[in-house]
Amino acid sequence: MKHQEITSNVSDTNDKDTNDTHEEQEVIVVTTTTDPRHLHLSRAEVIPRYNDLLQKVRKVVKLFKRSPAKYDMYLQKYVKEDTGKELSLILDCRTYWNSLLAMIERFHKLKVCIDKALIDKESDTKFSDLEWSKIKDLIDSLRPFKLAVDALCRRYPTLLTAETTLKFILEKLRTQDTMLSAELSEALRVRIKECRTVVT
């Protein structure tokens, strides 16, 4: 059986601002429907232990985005030194499931700059090495799902595409070997069993 290759094309150019009145995303467990194109993230199954960390990330993002004169100036100084250009933080939005990944990817990319800017402003908010590690785990676990959705949303997806995509996700989660990836992998397997008569 010929398998289709799924490749990454992650962009760092998504600087679209979102409305501060939006409902933010939580960390969720993946579910699937009988239509493989509808691979999505269900909000009904939350992994609560990550929510406090995400709320903390959002708090810092809003701090910089809402007070550009006081905070963003300090952040952009370090961002320009580190990357040679301005990169704004991204706030996630409930109506765009992949905005959660975009938010934490950008946040983690600018971790050193954020830490320095928070110190300069004598902020009480700090991120420990463990918290940064958890953010990285979230990024690693969510990326395969983004690639999968991108693949399934291409023109004329087939059952072979869906089968290859599901195997791709499960293999990526297996190789990550973290508690979160194991939970996501198990949740996906459960959904596959619910949607199929025979599981391959």
C-alpha atoms as a PDB file:
ATOM      1  CA  MET A   1       0.000   0.000   0.000  1.00  0.00           C
ATOM      2  CA  LYS A   2       1.376   3.363  -0.989  1.00  0.00           C
ATOM      3  CA  HIS A   3       1.410   5.953   1.788  1.00  0.00           C
ATOM      4  CA  GLN A   4       1.154   9.670   1.271  1.00  0.00           C
ATOM      5  CA  GLU A   5       3.772  11.819   2.951  1.00  0.00           C
ATOM      6  CA  ILE A   6       2.704  14.485   5.393  1.00  0.00           C
ATOM      7  CA  THR A   7       5.108  17.386   5.614  1.00  0.00           C
ATOM      8  CA  SER A   8       5.297  20.405   7.863  1.00  0.00           C
ATOM      9  CA  ASN A   9       4.872  23.960   6.674  1.00  0.00           C
ATOM     10  CA  VAL A  10       4.655  25.900   9.909  1.00  0.00           C
ATOM     11  CA  SER A  11       4.789  29.680   9.475  1.00  0.00           C
ATOM     12  CA  ASP A  12       6.040  32.258  11.911  1.00  0.00           C
ATOM     13  CA  THR A  13       4.202  35.052  10.160  1.00  0.00           C
ATOM     14  CA  ASN A  14       0.826  34.682  11.854  1.00  0.00           C
ATOM     15  CA  ASP A  15       0.651  37.950  13.742  1.00  0.00           C
ATOM     16  CA  LYS A  16      -3.103  38.423  13.413  1.00  0.00           C
ATOM     17  CA  ASP A  17      -4.526  40.090  16.512  1.00  0.00           C
ATOM     18  CA  THR A  18      -7.628  38.627  18.092  1.00  0.00           C
ATOM     19  CA  ASN A  19     -10.454  40.254  19.991  1.00  0.00           C
ATOM     20  CA  ASP A  20      -9.816  40.336  23.732  1.00  0.00           C
ATOM     21  CA  THR A  21     -13.474  39.493  24.386  1.00  0.00           C
ATOM     22  CA  HIS A  22     -13.139  36.064  22.760  1.00  0.00           C
ATOM     23  CA  GLU A  23     -13.506  32.762  24.586  1.00  0.00           C
ATOM     24  CA  GLU A  24     -10.111  31.165  24.946  1.00  0.00           C
ATOM     25  CA  GLN A  25      -9.244  27.585  24.192  1.00  0.00           C
ATOM     26  CA  GLU A  26      -8.495  24.868  26.683  1.00  0.00           C
ATOM     27  CA  VAL A  27      -6.230  21.876  26.262  1.00  0.00           C
ATOM     28  CA  ILE A  28      -8.397  19.157  24.881  1.00  0.00           C
ATOM     29  CA  VAL A  29      -8.377  15.523  23.842  1.00  0.00           C
ATOM     30  CA  VAL A  30      -8.699  14.657  20.195  1.00  0.00           C
ATOM     31  CA  THR A  31     -11.836  13.029  18.786  1.00  0.00           C
ATOM     32  CA  THR A  32     -12.718  11.888  15.313  1.00  0.00           C
ATOM     33  CA  THR A  33     -15.969  11.489  13.411  1.00  0.00           C
ATOM     34  CA  THR A  34     -16.943   9.001  10.737  1.00  0.00           C
ATOM     35  CA  ASP A  35     -15.948  11.589   8.136  1.00  0.00           C
ATOM     36  CA  PRO A  36     -12.111  11.747   8.254  1.00  0.00           C
ATOM     37  CA  ARG A  37     -12.207  15.339   7.027  1.00  0.00           C
ATOM     38  CA  HIS A  38     -13.858  16.277  10.304  1.00  0.00           C
ATOM     39  CA  LEU A  39     -10.901  15.408  12.484  1.00  0.00           C
ATOM     40  CA  HIS A  40     -11.251  17.983  15.217  1.00  0.00           C
ATOM     41  CA  LEU A  41     -10.586  18.865  18.820  1.00  0.00           C
ATOM     42  CA  SER A  42     -13.484  18.269  21.169  1.00  0.00           C
ATOM     43  CA  ARG A  43     -13.977  20.777  23.957  1.00  0.00           C
ATOM     44  CA  ALA A  44     -15.895  18.252  26.028  1.00  0.00           C
ATOM     45  CA  GLU A  45     -12.810  16.363  27.159  1.00  0.00           C
ATOM     46  CA  VAL A  46     -10.429  18.699  28.923  1.00  0.00           C
ATOM     47  CA  ILE A  47      -7.062  17.923  30.472  1.00  0.00           C
ATOM     48  CA  PRO A  48      -7.444  20.241  33.483  1.00  0.00           C
ATOM     49  CA  ARG A  49      -3.856  20.259  34.712  1.00  0.00           C
ATOM     50  CA  TYR A  50      -2.751  22.343  31.717  1.00  0.00           C
ATOM     51  CA  ASN A  51      -5.461  24.974  31.991  1.00  0.00           C
ATOM     52  CA  ASP A  52      -3.800  26.993  34.754  1.00  0.00           C
ATOM     53  CA  LEU A  53      -0.600  27.166  32.726  1.00  0.00           C
ATOM     54  CA  LEU A  54      -2.476  28.293  29.612  1.00  0.00           C
ATOM     55  CA  GLN A  55      -4.305  30.957  31.585  1.00  0.00           C
ATOM     56  CA  LYS A  56      -0.933  32.183  32.812  1.00  0.00           C
ATOM     57  CA  VAL A  57       0.353  32.331  29.225  1.00  0.00           C
ATOM     58  CA  ARG A  58      -2.740  34.288  28.146  1.00  0.00           C
ATOM     59  CA  LYS A  59      -2.292  36.679  31.053  1.00  0.00           C
ATOM     60  CA  VAL A  60       1.230  37.538  29.893  1.00  0.00           C
ATOM     61  CA  VAL A  61       0.192  37.790  26.235  1.00  0.00           C
ATOM     62  CA  LYS A  62      -2.582  40.233  27.165  1.00  0.00           C
ATOM     63  CA  LEU A  63      -0.175  42.152  29.374  1.00  0.00           C
ATOM     64  CA  PHE A  64       2.113  42.855  26.431  1.00  0.00           C
ATOM     65  CA  LYS A  65      -0.621  43.353  23.836  1.00  0.00           C
ATOM     66  CA  ARG A  66      -2.777  45.704  25.914  1.00  0.00           C
ATOM     67  CA  SER A  67       0.032  47.892  27.231  1.00  0.00           C
ATOM     68  CA  PRO A  68       2.400  48.345  24.276  1.00  0.00           C
ATOM     69  CA  ALA A  69       3.956  51.542  25.600  1.00  0.00           C
ATOM     70  CA  LYS A  70       4.824  49.996  28.952  1.00  0.00           C
ATOM     71  CA  TYR A  71       5.565  46.364  28.195  1.00  0.00           C
ATOM     72  CA  ASP A  72       5.821  45.602  24.486  1.00  0.00           C
ATOM     73  CA  MET A  73       8.645  48.118  24.097  1.00  0.00           C
ATOM     74  CA  TYR A  74      10.769  46.059  26.483  1.00  0.00           C
ATOM     75  CA  LEU A  75       9.819  42.810  24.778  1.00  0.00           C
ATOM     76  CA  GLN A  76      10.478  44.025  21.224  1.00  0.00           C
ATOM     77  CA  LYS A  77      13.902  45.315  22.236  1.00  0.00           C
ATOM     78  CA  TYR A  78      14.970  41.766  23.079  1.00  0.00           C
ATOM     79  CA  VAL A  79      13.056  40.238  20.159  1.00  0.00           C
ATOM     80  CA  LYS A  80      14.909  42.441  17.657  1.00  0.00           C
ATOM     81  CA  GLU A  81      18.239  41.589  19.273  1.00  0.00           C
ATOM     82  CA  ASP A  82      17.427  37.875  19.121  1.00  0.00           C
ATOM     83  CA  THR A  83      15.655  37.554  15.750  1.00  0.00           C
ATOM     84  CA  GLY A  84      16.485  40.759  13.886  1.00  0.00           C
ATOM     85  CA  LYS A  85      12.809  41.629  13.456  1.00  0.00           C
ATOM     86  CA  GLU A  86       9.649  42.360  15.442  1.00  0.00           C
ATOM     87  CA  LEU A  87       7.475  39.398  16.378  1.00  0.00           C
ATOM     88  CA  SER A  88       4.283  40.004  18.321  1.00  0.00           C
ATOM     89  CA  LEU A  89       2.745  37.561  20.749  1.00  0.00           C
ATOM     90  CA  ILE A  90      -0.440  35.822  19.583  1.00  0.00           C
ATOM     91  CA  LEU A  91      -3.637  35.417  21.604  1.00  0.00           C
ATOM     92  CA  ASP A  92      -5.695  32.322  20.844  1.00  0.00           C
ATOM     93  CA  CYS A  93      -9.340  32.361  19.822  1.00  0.00           C
ATOM     94  CA  ARG A  94     -12.048  29.739  20.367  1.00  0.00           C
ATOM     95  CA  THR A  95     -13.302  29.931  16.783  1.00  0.00           C
ATOM     96  CA  TYR A  96      -9.881  28.912  15.435  1.00  0.00           C
ATOM     97  CA  TRP A  97      -8.771  25.680  17.095  1.00  0.00           C
ATOM     98  CA  ASN A  98      -5.224  25.898  15.744  1.00  0.00           C
ATOM     99  CA  SER A  99      -4.770  29.386  17.231  1.00  0.00           C
ATOM    100  CA  LEU A 100      -3.917  27.688  20.528  1.00  0.00           C
ATOM    101  CA  LEU A 101      -0.928  26.047  18.879  1.00  0.00           C
ATOM    102  CA  ALA A 102       0.040  29.323  17.193  1.00  0.00           C
ATOM    103  CA  MET A 103      -0.087  31.121  20.544  1.00  0.00           C
ATOM    104  CA  ILE A 104       2.116  28.699  22.456  1.00  0.00           C
ATOM    105  CA  GLU A 105       4.543  28.218  19.544  1.00  0.00           C
ATOM    106  CA  ARG A 106       5.203  31.948  19.357  1.00  0.00           C
ATOM    107  CA  PHE A 107       5.300  32.223  23.157  1.00  0.00           C
ATOM    108  CA  HIS A 108       7.882  29.454  23.439  1.00  0.00           C
ATOM    109  CA  LYS A 109       9.938  30.843  20.565  1.00  0.00           C
ATOM    110  CA  LEU A 110      10.251  34.143  22.449  1.00  0.00           C
ATOM    111  CA  LYS A 111      10.745  32.564  25.892  1.00  0.00           C
ATOM    112  CA  VAL A 112      14.121  34.203  26.582  1.00  0.00           C
ATOM    113  CA  CYS A 113      12.836  37.600  25.454  1.00  0.00           C
ATOM    114  CA  ILE A 114       9.686  37.243  27.560  1.00  0.00           C
ATOM    115  CA  ASP A 115      11.636  36.288  30.668  1.00  0.00           C
ATOM    116  CA  LYS A 116      13.967  39.276  30.241  1.00  0.00           C
ATOM    117  CA  ALA A 117      11.103  41.710  29.618  1.00  0.00           C
ATOM    118  CA  LEU A 118       9.204  40.490  32.693  1.00  0.00           C
ATOM    119  CA  ILE A 119      12.335  40.957  34.801  1.00  0.00           C
ATOM    120  CA  ASP A 120      12.861  44.475  33.422  1.00  0.00           C
ATOM    121  CA  LYS A 121       9.301  45.403  34.361  1.00  0.00           C
ATOM    122  CA  GLU A 122       9.698  43.789  37.784  1.00  0.00           C
ATOM    123  CA  SER A 123       6.645  41.646  37.123  1.00  0.00           C
ATOM    124  CA  ASP A 124       5.536  39.106  39.700  1.00  0.00           C
ATOM    125  CA  THR A 125       4.808  36.646  36.906  1.00  0.00           C
ATOM    126  CA  LYS A 126       7.614  34.207  36.197  1.00  0.00           C
ATOM    127  CA  PHE A 127       7.847  30.925  34.292  1.00  0.00           C
ATOM    128  CA  SER A 128       9.790  28.029  35.766  1.00  0.00           C
ATOM    129  CA  ASP A 129      11.825  25.562  33.719  1.00  0.00           C
ATOM    130  CA  LEU A 130       9.092  22.983  34.368  1.00  0.00           C
ATOM    131  CA  GLU A 131       6.423  25.302  32.975  1.00  0.00           C
ATOM    132  CA  TRP A 132       8.462  25.995  29.846  1.00  0.00           C
ATOM    133  CA  SER A 133       8.940  22.242  29.471  1.00  0.00           C
ATOM    134  CA  LYS A 134       5.186  21.668  29.693  1.00  0.00           C
ATOM    135  CA  ILE A 135       4.571  24.322  27.049  1.00  0.00           C
ATOM    136  CA  LYS A 136       7.055  22.531  24.782  1.00  0.00           C
ATOM    137  CA  ASP A 137       5.262  19.222  25.402  1.00  0.00           C
ATOM    138  CA  LEU A 138       1.976  20.835  24.397  1.00  0.00           C
ATOM    139  CA  ILE A 139       3.507  22.166  21.194  1.00  0.00           C
ATOM    140  CA  ASP A 140       5.023  18.804  20.279  1.00  0.00           C
ATOM    141  CA  SER A 141       1.743  16.985  20.924  1.00  0.00           C
ATOM    142  CA  LEU A 142      -0.486  19.422  19.030  1.00  0.00           C
ATOM    143  CA  ARG A 143       1.693  19.814  15.929  1.00  0.00           C
ATOM    144  CA  PRO A 144       0.851  16.375  14.469  1.00  0.00           C
ATOM    145  CA  PHE A 145      -2.849  17.212  14.658  1.00  0.00           C
ATOM    146  CA  LYS A 146      -2.348  20.465  12.793  1.00  0.00           C
ATOM    147  CA  LEU A 147      -0.423  18.669  10.066  1.00  0.00           C
ATOM    148  CA  ALA A 148      -3.141  16.018   9.948  1.00  0.00           C
ATOM    149  CA  VAL A 149      -5.948  18.534   9.577  1.00  0.00           C
ATOM    150  CA  ASP A 150      -3.990  20.339   6.862  1.00  0.00           C
ATOM    151  CA  ALA A 151      -3.566  17.042   4.998  1.00  0.00           C
ATOM    152  CA  LEU A 152      -7.235  16.085   5.319  1.00  0.00           C
ATOM    153  CA  CYS A 153      -8.389  19.513   4.192  1.00  0.00           C
ATOM    154  CA  ARG A 154      -6.511  19.298   0.917  1.00  0.00           C
ATOM    155  CA  ARG A 155      -8.495  18.908  -2.267  1.00  0.00           C
ATOM    156  CA  TYR A 156      -9.993  15.456  -2.816  1.00  0.00           C
ATOM    157  CA  PRO A 157      -8.935  13.651   0.383  1.00  0.00           C
ATOM    158  CA  THR A 158      -9.294   9.870   0.202  1.00  0.00           C
ATOM    159  CA  LEU A 159      -9.655   7.029   2.672  1.00  0.00           C
ATOM    160  CA  LEU A 160      -5.989   6.282   2.042  1.00  0.00           C
ATOM    161  CA  THR A 161      -5.189   9.859   3.057  1.00  0.00           C
ATOM    162  CA  ALA A 162      -7.226   9.432   6.240  1.00  0.00           C
ATOM    163  CA  GLU A 163      -5.611   6.086   7.070  1.00  0.00           C
ATOM    164  CA  THR A 164      -2.111   7.438   6.477  1.00  0.00           C
ATOM    165  CA  THR A 165      -2.907  10.543   8.507  1.00  0.00           C
ATOM    166  CA  LEU A 166      -4.159   8.604  11.527  1.00  0.00           C
ATOM    167  CA  LYS A 167      -1.082   6.371  11.466  1.00  0.00           C
ATOM    168  CA  PHE A 168       1.101   9.470  11.181  1.00  0.00           C
ATOM    169  CA  ILE A 169      -0.479  11.029  14.285  1.00  0.00           C
ATOM    170  CA  LEU A 170      -0.222   7.856  16.357  1.00  0.00           C
ATOM    171  CA  GLU A 171       3.418   7.318  15.377  1.00  0.00           C
ATOM    172  CA  LYS A 172       4.358  10.910  16.210  1.00  0.00           C
ATOM    173  CA  LEU A 173       2.659  10.669  19.600  1.00  0.00           C
ATOM    174  CA  ARG A 174       4.337   7.321  20.298  1.00  0.00           C
ATOM    175  CA  THR A 175       7.816   8.678  19.617  1.00  0.00           C
ATOM    176  CA  GLN A 176       7.243  11.686  21.901  1.00  0.00           C
ATOM    177  CA  ASP A 177       6.870   9.348  24.882  1.00  0.00           C
ATOM    178  CA  THR A 178       5.294  11.878  27.280  1.00  0.00           C
ATOM    179  CA  MET A 179       2.271  11.595  29.555  1.00  0.00           C
ATOM    180  CA  LEU A 180       0.320  14.031  27.392  1.00  0.00           C
ATOM    181  CA  SER A 181       1.170  12.269  24.125  1.00  0.00           C
ATOM    182  CA  ALA A 182       0.174   8.929  25.661  1.00  0.00           C
ATOM    183  CA  GLU A 183      -3.190  10.351  26.754  1.00  0.00           C
ATOM    184  CA  LEU A 184      -3.844  11.866  23.337  1.00  0.00           C
ATOM    185  CA  SER A 185      -2.839   8.644  21.603  1.00  0.00           C
ATOM    186  CA  GLU A 186      -5.168   6.576  23.768  1.00  0.00           C
ATOM    187  CA  ALA A 187      -8.046   9.020  23.243  1.00  0.00           C
ATOM    188  CA  LEU A 188      -7.558   8.866  19.480  1.00  0.00           C
ATOM    189  CA  ARG A 189      -7.486   5.065  19.496  1.00  0.00           C
ATOM    190  CA  VAL A 190     -10.749   5.010  21.442  1.00  0.00           C
ATOM    191  CA  ARG A 191     -12.373   7.289  18.876  1.00  0.00           C
ATOM    192  CA  ILE A 192     -11.089   5.148  16.018  1.00  0.00           C
ATOM    193  CA  LYS A 193     -12.670   2.076  17.623  1.00  0.00           C
ATOM    194  CA  GLU A 194     -15.958   3.931  18.036  1.00  0.00           C
ATOM    195  CA  CYS A 195     -15.996   4.965  14.366  1.00  0.00           C
ATOM    196  CA  ARG A 196     -14.925   1.680  12.795  1.00  0.00           C
ATOM    197  CA  THR A 197     -16.202  -1.865  12.722  1.00  0.00           C
ATOM    198  CA  VAL A 198     -12.661  -3.137  12.239  1.00  0.00           C
ATOM    199  CA  VAL A 199      -9.634  -1.295  13.596  1.00  0.00           C
ATOM    200  CA  THR A 200      -6.457  -1.566  11.560  1.00  0.00           C
END
